Amino acid sequence: MLDAVAGTGIPVIAAGGFFDGRGLAAALCYGAAGVAMGTRFLLTSDSTVPDAVKRRYLQAGLDGTVVTTRVDGMPHRVLRTELVEKLESGSRARGFAAALRNAGKFRRMSQMTWRSMIRDGLTMRHGKELTWSQVLMAANTPMLLKAGLVDGNTEAGVLASGQVAGILDDLPSCKELIESIVLDAITHLQTASALVE
């Protein structure tokens, strides 16, 4: 990726598995302009997700996440919850029926018409190898994420997560987190620099 944008002035933001200054330092050494830390910033005292959700993430072990295609037909890393286990072990027909119900809920919530949803579904399929089942199941994602991350229903919703969920064990403020990450990155960059002097 870095080779593809070299000389264009387009900054590259590394994502996936970053949670501390060591990761930031490594990404900077690879040529990235910065890092994205979705799960790390979700688990801060400033995050607006409900406290029950934060507790659920903090309780996750190193094996507490799974990559599943049962939410909307596309691979997503999520926390292992009762709902995710049911989706993983359930039949495709049951998942399709749930997706149809969620499509109706999404239509009402978004105030879209069935016609506009079908048009958007056709657009999603165009140029991609998506089945109609996957397109319909895409309605699951916003509804299940809302149930988990907004409504705080950790058993009836889906909790998107990075692999770092099993490593994190605190809820610093964003200010504290950023300061800690920067200081840690500086330390690691200075240590690496000293190796080549």
Protein backbone atom coordinates (compact mmCIF):
# COMPACT_ATOMS: atom_id res chain seq x y z
CA MET A 1 0.00 0.00 0.00
CA LEU A 2 2.75 2.45 0.88
CA ASP A 3 4.39 1.83 -2.50
CA ALA A 4 1.07 2.51 -4.23
CA VAL A 5 0.78 5.99 -2.72
CA ALA A 6 4.50 6.87 -2.61
CA GLY A 7 5.10 10.35 -3.98
CA THR A 8 1.38 11.22 -4.12
CA GLY A 9 1.23 13.06 -0.81
CA ILE A 10 -1.61 10.81 0.32
CA PRO A 11 -1.13 9.92 3.99
CA VAL A 12 -1.51 6.27 4.95
CA ILE A 13 -3.22 5.46 8.22
CA ALA A 14 -2.41 1.97 9.50
CA ALA A 15 -5.28 0.09 11.14
CA GLY A 16 -5.78 -3.21 12.88
CA GLY A 17 -4.27 -4.33 16.16
CA PHE A 18 -2.91 -0.97 17.32
CA PHE A 19 -3.43 0.02 20.95
CA ASP A 20 -0.22 1.59 22.29
CA GLY A 21 2.85 3.64 21.45
CA ARG A 22 4.85 0.61 20.44
CA GLY A 23 2.38 -0.05 17.61
CA LEU A 24 2.38 3.61 16.60
CA ALA A 25 6.20 3.62 16.49
CA ALA A 26 6.22 0.48 14.33
CA ALA A 27 3.67 1.94 11.91
CA LEU A 28 5.63 5.18 11.65
CA CYS A 29 8.78 3.20 10.90
CA TYR A 30 6.92 1.42 8.10
CA GLY A 31 6.04 4.82 6.62
CA ALA A 32 2.48 5.32 7.85
CA ALA A 33 1.40 8.82 8.83
CA GLY A 34 -0.49 7.51 11.85
CA VAL A 35 -2.69 4.73 13.17
CA ALA A 36 -6.38 4.10 13.78
CA MET A 37 -7.26 2.63 17.15
CA GLY A 38 -10.99 1.92 17.07
CA THR A 39 -11.31 -0.57 19.92
CA ARG A 40 -8.73 1.26 22.05
CA PHE A 41 -10.65 4.57 21.87
CA LEU A 42 -13.98 2.80 22.34
CA LEU A 43 -12.55 1.67 25.69
CA THR A 44 -11.93 5.09 27.21
CA SER A 45 -13.78 6.90 29.96
CA ASP A 46 -14.77 9.51 27.35
CA SER A 47 -16.41 6.98 25.03
CA THR A 48 -20.17 7.34 24.88
CA VAL A 49 -20.93 3.62 24.63
CA PRO A 50 -22.82 2.32 27.68
CA ASP A 51 -20.74 1.17 30.67
CA ALA A 52 -22.17 -2.37 30.38
CA VAL A 53 -20.70 -2.57 26.88
CA LYS A 54 -17.30 -1.34 28.08
CA ARG A 55 -17.35 -3.98 30.86
CA ARG A 56 -18.15 -6.69 28.32
CA TYR A 57 -15.13 -5.68 26.20
CA LEU A 58 -12.85 -5.57 29.25
CA GLN A 59 -13.99 -9.06 30.27
CA ALA A 60 -13.09 -10.52 26.86
CA GLY A 61 -10.13 -12.87 26.87
CA LEU A 62 -7.55 -13.29 24.15
CA ASP A 63 -9.93 -15.74 22.48
CA GLY A 64 -12.93 -13.45 23.06
CA THR A 65 -13.40 -12.43 19.44
CA VAL A 66 -14.43 -14.30 16.32
CA VAL A 67 -14.52 -13.46 12.63
CA THR A 68 -18.00 -14.25 11.36
CA THR A 69 -19.91 -13.89 8.13
CA ARG A 70 -23.23 -14.64 9.83
CA VAL A 71 -24.08 -11.02 10.68
CA ASP A 72 -24.39 -9.73 7.12
CA GLY A 73 -22.61 -12.19 4.87
CA MET A 74 -19.30 -10.30 4.99
CA PRO A 75 -16.46 -11.11 7.43
CA HIS A 76 -16.51 -9.06 10.65
CA ARG A 77 -14.53 -9.44 13.85
CA VAL A 78 -16.90 -9.27 16.81
CA LEU A 79 -16.90 -10.17 20.48
CA ARG A 80 -18.14 -13.66 21.21
CA THR A 81 -21.63 -13.22 22.68
CA GLU A 82 -24.66 -15.48 23.02
CA LEU A 83 -26.15 -13.89 19.90
CA VAL A 84 -22.99 -14.43 17.87
CA GLU A 85 -22.79 -18.05 19.02
CA LYS A 86 -26.45 -18.54 17.98
CA LEU A 87 -25.77 -16.93 14.60
CA GLU A 88 -22.70 -19.11 14.09
CA SER A 89 -24.49 -22.34 14.98
CA GLY A 90 -27.90 -21.50 13.48
CA SER A 91 -29.25 -22.36 10.08
CA ARG A 92 -28.89 -20.04 7.10
CA ALA A 93 -32.69 -19.98 6.73
CA ARG A 94 -33.11 -18.66 10.28
CA GLY A 95 -30.41 -16.04 9.65
CA PHE A 96 -32.12 -15.00 6.42
CA ALA A 97 -35.48 -14.63 8.24
CA ALA A 98 -33.83 -12.48 10.92
CA ALA A 99 -32.19 -10.38 8.22
CA LEU A 100 -35.58 -9.82 6.59
CA ARG A 101 -37.03 -8.65 9.94
CA ASN A 102 -34.03 -6.36 10.46
CA ALA A 103 -34.42 -4.96 6.94
CA GLY A 104 -37.94 -3.89 7.95
CA LYS A 105 -36.66 -2.31 11.18
CA PHE A 106 -33.87 -0.55 9.29
CA ARG A 107 -36.37 0.74 6.72
CA ARG A 108 -38.56 2.23 9.46
CA MET A 109 -35.58 3.68 11.38
CA SER A 110 -33.99 5.22 8.26
CA GLN A 111 -37.37 6.21 6.76
CA MET A 112 -36.29 4.66 3.48
CA THR A 113 -38.79 3.12 1.13
CA TRP A 114 -38.59 -0.52 0.10
CA ARG A 115 -37.96 0.77 -3.43
CA SER A 116 -34.92 2.82 -2.35
CA MET A 117 -33.61 -0.10 -0.30
CA ILE A 118 -33.88 -2.38 -3.34
CA ARG A 119 -32.16 0.25 -5.49
CA ASP A 120 -29.34 0.51 -2.92
CA GLY A 121 -29.16 -3.29 -2.86
CA LEU A 122 -28.74 -3.37 -6.63
CA THR A 123 -25.97 -0.77 -6.33
CA MET A 124 -24.25 -2.87 -3.65
CA ARG A 125 -24.38 -5.94 -5.89
CA HIS A 126 -23.14 -4.13 -9.00
CA GLY A 127 -19.55 -5.10 -9.69
CA LYS A 128 -19.35 -7.30 -6.61
CA GLU A 129 -19.94 -10.97 -6.12
CA LEU A 130 -22.66 -10.53 -3.51
CA THR A 131 -25.69 -12.77 -3.33
CA TRP A 132 -29.13 -11.36 -2.68
CA SER A 133 -28.94 -13.08 0.68
CA GLN A 134 -25.81 -11.03 1.54
CA VAL A 135 -27.48 -7.82 0.37
CA LEU A 136 -30.54 -8.51 2.51
CA MET A 137 -28.38 -9.54 5.45
CA ALA A 138 -26.61 -6.15 5.23
CA ALA A 139 -29.65 -4.74 7.04
CA ASN A 140 -28.53 -6.76 10.07
CA THR A 141 -25.39 -4.73 10.63
CA PRO A 142 -26.81 -1.32 11.59
CA MET A 143 -29.59 -2.85 13.68
CA LEU A 144 -27.38 -5.28 15.58
CA LEU A 145 -24.61 -2.70 16.10
CA LYS A 146 -27.19 -0.21 17.39
CA ALA A 147 -28.61 -2.79 19.80
CA GLY A 148 -25.14 -3.53 21.19
CA LEU A 149 -23.12 -0.32 21.04
CA VAL A 150 -25.87 2.30 21.39
CA ASP A 151 -28.64 0.59 23.34
CA GLY A 152 -26.17 -1.37 25.49
CA ASN A 153 -27.84 -4.74 24.96
CA THR A 154 -24.72 -6.89 24.95
CA GLU A 155 -26.64 -10.14 24.43
CA ALA A 156 -29.03 -9.08 21.64
CA GLY A 157 -26.55 -6.90 19.78
CA VAL A 158 -23.27 -7.31 17.97
CA LEU A 159 -20.11 -5.77 19.41
CA ALA A 160 -17.60 -5.05 16.64
CA SER A 161 -14.08 -5.46 17.94
CA GLY A 162 -10.44 -5.55 17.10
CA GLN A 163 -8.20 -8.39 18.24
CA VAL A 164 -6.85 -6.14 20.99
CA ALA A 165 -10.03 -6.53 23.07
CA GLY A 166 -8.44 -9.37 25.06
CA ILE A 167 -5.40 -7.23 25.89
CA LEU A 168 -7.07 -4.05 27.13
CA ASP A 169 -7.87 -3.76 30.82
CA ASP A 170 -8.39 -0.07 31.55
CA LEU A 171 -10.53 2.94 30.67
CA PRO A 172 -8.24 5.98 30.54
CA SER A 173 -9.52 9.34 29.34
CA CYS A 174 -8.75 10.17 25.72
CA LYS A 175 -6.27 12.81 26.93
CA GLU A 176 -4.47 10.29 29.15
CA LEU A 177 -4.47 7.69 26.38
CA ILE A 178 -3.04 10.02 23.75
CA GLU A 179 -0.33 11.30 26.09
CA SER A 180 0.60 7.73 27.03
CA ILE A 181 0.69 6.59 23.40
CA VAL A 182 2.87 9.52 22.32
CA LEU A 183 5.35 9.08 25.19
CA ASP A 184 5.51 5.33 24.58
CA ALA A 185 6.04 5.85 20.83
CA ILE A 186 8.84 8.36 21.48
CA THR A 187 10.56 5.90 23.82
CA HIS A 188 10.36 3.10 21.26
CA LEU A 189 11.49 5.32 18.37
CA GLN A 190 14.48 6.56 20.42
CA THR A 191 15.38 2.98 21.35
CA ALA A 192 15.23 1.91 17.70
CA SER A 193 17.21 4.96 16.61
CA ALA A 194 19.95 4.16 19.14
CA LEU A 195 20.38 0.74 17.55
CA VAL A 196 21.55 2.29 14.26
CA GLU A 197 23.75 5.07 15.63
